[in-house]
């Protein structure tokens, strides 16, 4: 048997490489921050989120989702369905889709098309659920679900039949 004890070899070179990479990334981040701070609209404080096509699509889509019952009323905690406002937001997305044809990147066009299709499918599902609930309540002779306009204010009877806004517990 030999009296050789294994030797531990520590490669310190990787530490130097990692440190150099860390410094390089920090310099890039500093350069980006400096450019952003001195660029147009730069402020010393946090501002609104960056604007862009995707933010516009997301804003209109969130309005449609709210109308389709995706959010609860903060005061009552109940889900509000407003098919008319959902349809309006979806219509705005449709106009955006038509008016920007040929001017979007393939990713933007695909994303917009996907959002519009998803919202249309969801709208049809919710509209069918609302219609079936209204039919059940009508057949049972039960007063219809509270049909509401702006939160808590009744809709005139002439408009209530054509634009369902219901409050769900």
C-alpha atoms as a PDB file:
ATOM      1  CA  UNK A   1       0.000   0.000   0.000  1.00  0.00           C
ATOM      2  CA  UNK A   2       1.180   3.431  -0.757  1.00  0.00           C
ATOM      3  CA  UNK A   3       1.105   6.246   1.673  1.00  0.00           C
ATOM      4  CA  UNK A   4      -0.525   8.664  -0.734  1.00  0.00           C
ATOM      5  CA  UNK A   5      -3.204  10.817   0.714  1.00  0.00           C
ATOM      6  CA  UNK A   6      -5.564  12.350  -1.769  1.00  0.00           C
ATOM      7  CA  UNK A   7      -4.915  15.985  -2.370  1.00  0.00           C
ATOM      8  CA  UNK A   8      -7.668  18.472  -2.731  1.00  0.00           C
ATOM      9  CA  UNK A   9      -7.240  20.742  -5.739  1.00  0.00           C
ATOM     10  CA  UNK A  10      -9.185  24.001  -5.500  1.00  0.00           C
ATOM     11  CA  UNK A  11      -9.629  25.826  -8.770  1.00  0.00           C
ATOM     12  CA  UNK A  12      -9.785  29.504  -7.904  1.00  0.00           C
ATOM     13  CA  UNK A  13     -10.013  30.521 -11.549  1.00  0.00           C
ATOM     14  CA  UNK A  14     -13.804  30.047 -11.612  1.00  0.00           C
ATOM     15  CA  UNK A  15     -14.160  32.542  -8.782  1.00  0.00           C
ATOM     16  CA  UNK A  16     -12.362  35.196 -10.804  1.00  0.00           C
ATOM     17  CA  UNK A  17     -14.502  34.471 -13.856  1.00  0.00           C
ATOM     18  CA  UNK A  18     -17.709  34.660 -11.833  1.00  0.00           C
ATOM     19  CA  UNK A  19     -16.633  37.941 -10.262  1.00  0.00           C
ATOM     20  CA  UNK A  20     -15.759  39.412 -13.681  1.00  0.00           C
ATOM     21  CA  UNK A  21     -19.170  38.363 -15.057  1.00  0.00           C
ATOM     22  CA  UNK A  22     -20.904  39.858 -12.046  1.00  0.00           C
ATOM     23  CA  UNK A  23     -19.104  43.166 -12.554  1.00  0.00           C
ATOM     24  CA  UNK A  24     -19.899  43.173 -16.279  1.00  0.00           C
ATOM     25  CA  UNK A  25     -23.614  42.619 -15.599  1.00  0.00           C
ATOM     26  CA  UNK A  26     -23.612  45.350 -12.950  1.00  0.00           C
ATOM     27  CA  UNK A  27     -22.070  47.790 -15.441  1.00  0.00           C
ATOM     28  CA  UNK A  28     -24.746  46.932 -18.021  1.00  0.00           C
ATOM     29  CA  UNK A  29     -27.502  47.441 -15.443  1.00  0.00           C
ATOM     30  CA  UNK A  30     -26.003  50.794 -14.419  1.00  0.00           C
ATOM     31  CA  UNK A  31     -25.837  51.884 -18.068  1.00  0.00           C
ATOM     32  CA  UNK A  32     -29.506  50.936 -18.585  1.00  0.00           C
ATOM     33  CA  UNK A  33     -30.569  52.764 -15.435  1.00  0.00           C
ATOM     34  CA  UNK A  34     -28.610  55.854 -16.432  1.00  0.00           C
ATOM     35  CA  UNK A  35     -30.146  55.843 -19.907  1.00  0.00           C
ATOM     36  CA  UNK A  36     -33.645  55.401 -18.469  1.00  0.00           C
ATOM     37  CA  UNK A  37     -33.112  58.180 -15.931  1.00  0.00           C
ATOM     38  CA  UNK A  38     -31.920  60.648 -18.546  1.00  0.00           C
ATOM     39  CA  UNK A  39     -34.342  59.580 -21.273  1.00  0.00           C
ATOM     40  CA  UNK A  40     -37.558  61.341 -22.282  1.00  0.00           C
ATOM     41  CA  UNK A  41     -40.176  61.410 -19.541  1.00  0.00           C
ATOM     42  CA  UNK A  42     -37.604  60.468 -16.920  1.00  0.00           C
ATOM     43  CA  UNK A  43     -38.570  61.281 -13.362  1.00  0.00           C
ATOM     44  CA  UNK A  44     -36.878  60.662 -10.091  1.00  0.00           C
ATOM     45  CA  UNK A  45     -39.872  58.655  -8.899  1.00  0.00           C
ATOM     46  CA  UNK A  46     -41.811  55.632  -9.987  1.00  0.00           C
ATOM     47  CA  UNK A  47     -44.396  56.434 -12.608  1.00  0.00           C
ATOM     48  CA  UNK A  48     -47.066  54.568 -14.452  1.00  0.00           C
ATOM     49  CA  UNK A  49     -46.203  51.285 -16.128  1.00  0.00           C
ATOM     50  CA  UNK A  50     -44.595  51.496 -19.542  1.00  0.00           C
ATOM     51  CA  UNK A  51     -47.002  52.059 -22.380  1.00  0.00           C
ATOM     52  CA  UNK A  52     -47.158  49.885 -25.424  1.00  0.00           C
ATOM     53  CA  UNK A  53     -49.396  47.787 -27.591  1.00  0.00           C
ATOM     54  CA  UNK A  54     -49.478  44.865 -25.152  1.00  0.00           C
ATOM     55  CA  UNK A  55     -50.515  47.157 -22.294  1.00  0.00           C
ATOM     56  CA  UNK A  56     -53.353  48.546 -24.428  1.00  0.00           C
ATOM     57  CA  UNK A  57     -54.587  45.045 -25.240  1.00  0.00           C
ATOM     58  CA  UNK A  58     -54.284  44.003 -21.587  1.00  0.00           C
ATOM     59  CA  UNK A  59     -56.230  47.068 -20.432  1.00  0.00           C
ATOM     60  CA  UNK A  60     -59.121  46.465 -22.818  1.00  0.00           C
ATOM     61  CA  UNK A  61     -59.115  42.737 -22.071  1.00  0.00           C
ATOM     62  CA  UNK A  62     -59.278  43.368 -18.318  1.00  0.00           C
ATOM     63  CA  UNK A  63     -62.290  45.641 -18.831  1.00  0.00           C
ATOM     64  CA  UNK A  64     -64.016  42.837 -20.743  1.00  0.00           C
ATOM     65  CA  UNK A  65     -63.126  40.302 -18.053  1.00  0.00           C
ATOM     66  CA  UNK A  66     -64.585  42.578 -15.368  1.00  0.00           C
ATOM     67  CA  UNK A  67     -67.842  42.806 -17.308  1.00  0.00           C
ATOM     68  CA  UNK A  68     -67.900  39.025 -17.588  1.00  0.00           C
ATOM     69  CA  UNK A  69     -67.824  38.608 -13.824  1.00  0.00           C
ATOM     70  CA  UNK A  70     -64.080  38.248 -13.397  1.00  0.00           C
ATOM     71  CA  UNK A  71     -63.981  40.698 -10.495  1.00  0.00           C
ATOM     72  CA  UNK A  72     -65.948  41.129  -7.304  1.00  0.00           C
ATOM     73  CA  UNK A  73     -67.564  44.390  -6.307  1.00  0.00           C
ATOM     74  CA  UNK A  74     -65.289  45.650  -3.531  1.00  0.00           C
ATOM     75  CA  UNK A  75     -68.238  47.054  -1.562  1.00  0.00           C
ATOM     76  CA  UNK A  76     -70.575  44.049  -1.631  1.00  0.00           C
ATOM     77  CA  UNK A  77     -68.150  41.221  -2.352  1.00  0.00           C
ATOM     78  CA  UNK A  78     -70.521  39.923  -5.035  1.00  0.00           C
ATOM     79  CA  UNK A  79     -69.618  39.175  -8.621  1.00  0.00           C
ATOM     80  CA  UNK A  80     -71.071  41.647 -11.082  1.00  0.00           C
ATOM     81  CA  UNK A  81     -71.850  40.662 -14.654  1.00  0.00           C
ATOM     82  CA  UNK A  82     -72.279  43.508 -17.111  1.00  0.00           C
ATOM     83  CA  UNK A  83     -72.568  42.033 -20.580  1.00  0.00           C
ATOM     84  CA  UNK A  84     -72.967  45.439 -22.213  1.00  0.00           C
ATOM     85  CA  UNK A  85     -69.651  46.799 -20.921  1.00  0.00           C
ATOM     86  CA  UNK A  86     -67.922  43.498 -21.703  1.00  0.00           C
ATOM     87  CA  UNK A  87     -69.278  43.658 -25.241  1.00  0.00           C
ATOM     88  CA  UNK A  88     -68.074  47.265 -25.586  1.00  0.00           C
ATOM     89  CA  UNK A  89     -64.512  46.397 -24.498  1.00  0.00           C
ATOM     90  CA  UNK A  90     -64.498  43.389 -26.821  1.00  0.00           C
ATOM     91  CA  UNK A  91     -65.716  45.630 -29.638  1.00  0.00           C
ATOM     92  CA  UNK A  92     -62.828  48.007 -28.973  1.00  0.00           C
ATOM     93  CA  UNK A  93     -60.412  45.082 -29.216  1.00  0.00           C
ATOM     94  CA  UNK A  94     -62.062  44.126 -32.509  1.00  0.00           C
ATOM     95  CA  UNK A  95     -61.580  47.666 -33.849  1.00  0.00           C
ATOM     96  CA  UNK A  96     -57.960  47.572 -32.722  1.00  0.00           C
ATOM     97  CA  UNK A  97     -57.513  44.239 -34.501  1.00  0.00           C
ATOM     98  CA  UNK A  98     -58.980  45.566 -37.754  1.00  0.00           C
ATOM     99  CA  UNK A  99     -57.166  48.905 -37.734  1.00  0.00           C
ATOM    100  CA  UNK A 100     -53.742  47.436 -36.988  1.00  0.00           C
ATOM    101  CA  UNK A 101     -53.753  44.648 -39.592  1.00  0.00           C
ATOM    102  CA  UNK A 102     -50.398  44.541 -41.328  1.00  0.00           C
ATOM    103  CA  UNK A 103     -48.776  46.855 -38.779  1.00  0.00           C
ATOM    104  CA  UNK A 104     -48.169  44.388 -35.964  1.00  0.00           C
ATOM    105  CA  UNK A 105     -45.388  41.935 -35.367  1.00  0.00           C
ATOM    106  CA  UNK A 106     -46.474  38.313 -35.792  1.00  0.00           C
ATOM    107  CA  UNK A 107     -46.358  37.888 -31.996  1.00  0.00           C
ATOM    108  CA  UNK A 108     -48.561  40.952 -31.390  1.00  0.00           C
ATOM    109  CA  UNK A 109     -51.071  39.880 -34.047  1.00  0.00           C
ATOM    110  CA  UNK A 110     -51.222  36.347 -32.648  1.00  0.00           C
ATOM    111  CA  UNK A 111     -51.642  37.574 -29.073  1.00  0.00           C
ATOM    112  CA  UNK A 112     -54.421  39.994 -30.027  1.00  0.00           C
ATOM    113  CA  UNK A 113     -56.259  37.321 -32.027  1.00  0.00           C
ATOM    114  CA  UNK A 114     -55.962  34.861 -29.152  1.00  0.00           C
ATOM    115  CA  UNK A 115     -57.284  37.377 -26.612  1.00  0.00           C
ATOM    116  CA  UNK A 116     -60.258  38.292 -28.824  1.00  0.00           C
ATOM    117  CA  UNK A 117     -61.159  34.631 -29.429  1.00  0.00           C
ATOM    118  CA  UNK A 118     -60.884  33.725 -25.752  1.00  0.00           C
ATOM    119  CA  UNK A 119     -63.073  36.664 -24.703  1.00  0.00           C
ATOM    120  CA  UNK A 120     -65.684  35.835 -27.352  1.00  0.00           C
ATOM    121  CA  UNK A 121     -65.900  32.251 -26.113  1.00  0.00           C
ATOM    122  CA  UNK A 122     -66.190  33.394 -22.505  1.00  0.00           C
ATOM    123  CA  UNK A 123     -68.825  35.974 -23.453  1.00  0.00           C
ATOM    124  CA  UNK A 124     -70.954  33.281 -25.105  1.00  0.00           C
ATOM    125  CA  UNK A 125     -70.675  31.028 -22.039  1.00  0.00           C
ATOM    126  CA  UNK A 126     -71.660  33.795 -19.626  1.00  0.00           C
ATOM    127  CA  UNK A 127     -74.481  35.064 -21.868  1.00  0.00           C
ATOM    128  CA  UNK A 128     -75.929  31.550 -22.067  1.00  0.00           C
ATOM    129  CA  UNK A 129     -75.714  31.151 -18.286  1.00  0.00           C
ATOM    130  CA  UNK A 130     -77.437  34.508 -17.747  1.00  0.00           C
ATOM    131  CA  UNK A 131     -80.186  33.662 -20.251  1.00  0.00           C
ATOM    132  CA  UNK A 132     -80.839  30.248 -18.691  1.00  0.00           C
ATOM    133  CA  UNK A 133     -80.945  31.752 -15.185  1.00  0.00           C
ATOM    134  CA  UNK A 134     -83.413  34.397 -16.336  1.00  0.00           C
ATOM    135  CA  UNK A 135     -85.588  31.694 -17.978  1.00  0.00           C
ATOM    136  CA  UNK A 136     -85.559  29.528 -14.845  1.00  0.00           C
ATOM    137  CA  UNK A 137     -86.543  32.448 -12.658  1.00  0.00           C
ATOM    138  CA  UNK A 138     -89.235  33.526 -15.094  1.00  0.00           C
ATOM    139  CA  UNK A 139     -90.697  29.998 -15.294  1.00  0.00           C
ATOM    140  CA  UNK A 140     -90.620  29.633 -11.516  1.00  0.00           C
ATOM    141  CA  UNK A 141     -92.446  32.935 -11.102  1.00  0.00           C
ATOM    142  CA  UNK A 142     -89.625  34.185  -8.934  1.00  0.00           C
ATOM    143  CA  UNK A 143     -88.623  37.795  -9.260  1.00  0.00           C
ATOM    144  CA  UNK A 144     -85.623  38.118 -11.485  1.00  0.00           C
ATOM    145  CA  UNK A 145     -82.173  38.415 -10.025  1.00  0.00           C
ATOM    146  CA  UNK A 146     -81.390  41.940  -9.071  1.00  0.00           C
ATOM    147  CA  UNK A 147     -80.679  43.679 -12.331  1.00  0.00           C
ATOM    148  CA  UNK A 148     -78.362  46.541 -11.634  1.00  0.00           C
ATOM    149  CA  UNK A 149     -76.941  49.468 -13.515  1.00  0.00           C
ATOM    150  CA  UNK A 150     -74.058  51.241 -11.904  1.00  0.00           C
ATOM    151  CA  UNK A 151     -73.320  49.543  -8.651  1.00  0.00           C
ATOM    152  CA  UNK A 152     -76.510  49.532  -6.664  1.00  0.00           C
ATOM    153  CA  UNK A 153     -78.672  51.671  -8.943  1.00  0.00           C
ATOM    154  CA  UNK A 154     -81.642  50.071 -10.674  1.00  0.00           C
ATOM    155  CA  UNK A 155     -81.759  49.929 -14.460  1.00  0.00           C
ATOM    156  CA  UNK A 156     -84.926  51.251 -16.079  1.00  0.00           C
ATOM    157  CA  UNK A 157     -87.250  48.386 -17.031  1.00  0.00           C
ATOM    158  CA  UNK A 158     -86.935  49.232 -20.731  1.00  0.00           C
ATOM    159  CA  UNK A 159     -83.181  48.694 -20.605  1.00  0.00           C
ATOM    160  CA  UNK A 160     -83.136  45.829 -18.104  1.00  0.00           C
ATOM    161  CA  UNK A 161     -84.622  43.361 -20.561  1.00  0.00           C
ATOM    162  CA  UNK A 162     -82.022  44.065 -23.229  1.00  0.00           C
ATOM    163  CA  UNK A 163     -78.825  44.494 -21.221  1.00  0.00           C
ATOM    164  CA  UNK A 164     -78.476  41.934 -18.459  1.00  0.00           C
ATOM    165  CA  UNK A 165     -76.497  43.095 -15.487  1.00  0.00           C
ATOM    166  CA  UNK A 166     -76.849  40.680 -12.679  1.00  0.00           C
ATOM    167  CA  UNK A 167     -75.432  40.424  -9.243  1.00  0.00           C
ATOM    168  CA  UNK A 168     -74.402  36.977  -8.131  1.00  0.00           C
ATOM    169  CA  UNK A 169     -73.883  36.033  -4.503  1.00  0.00           C
END
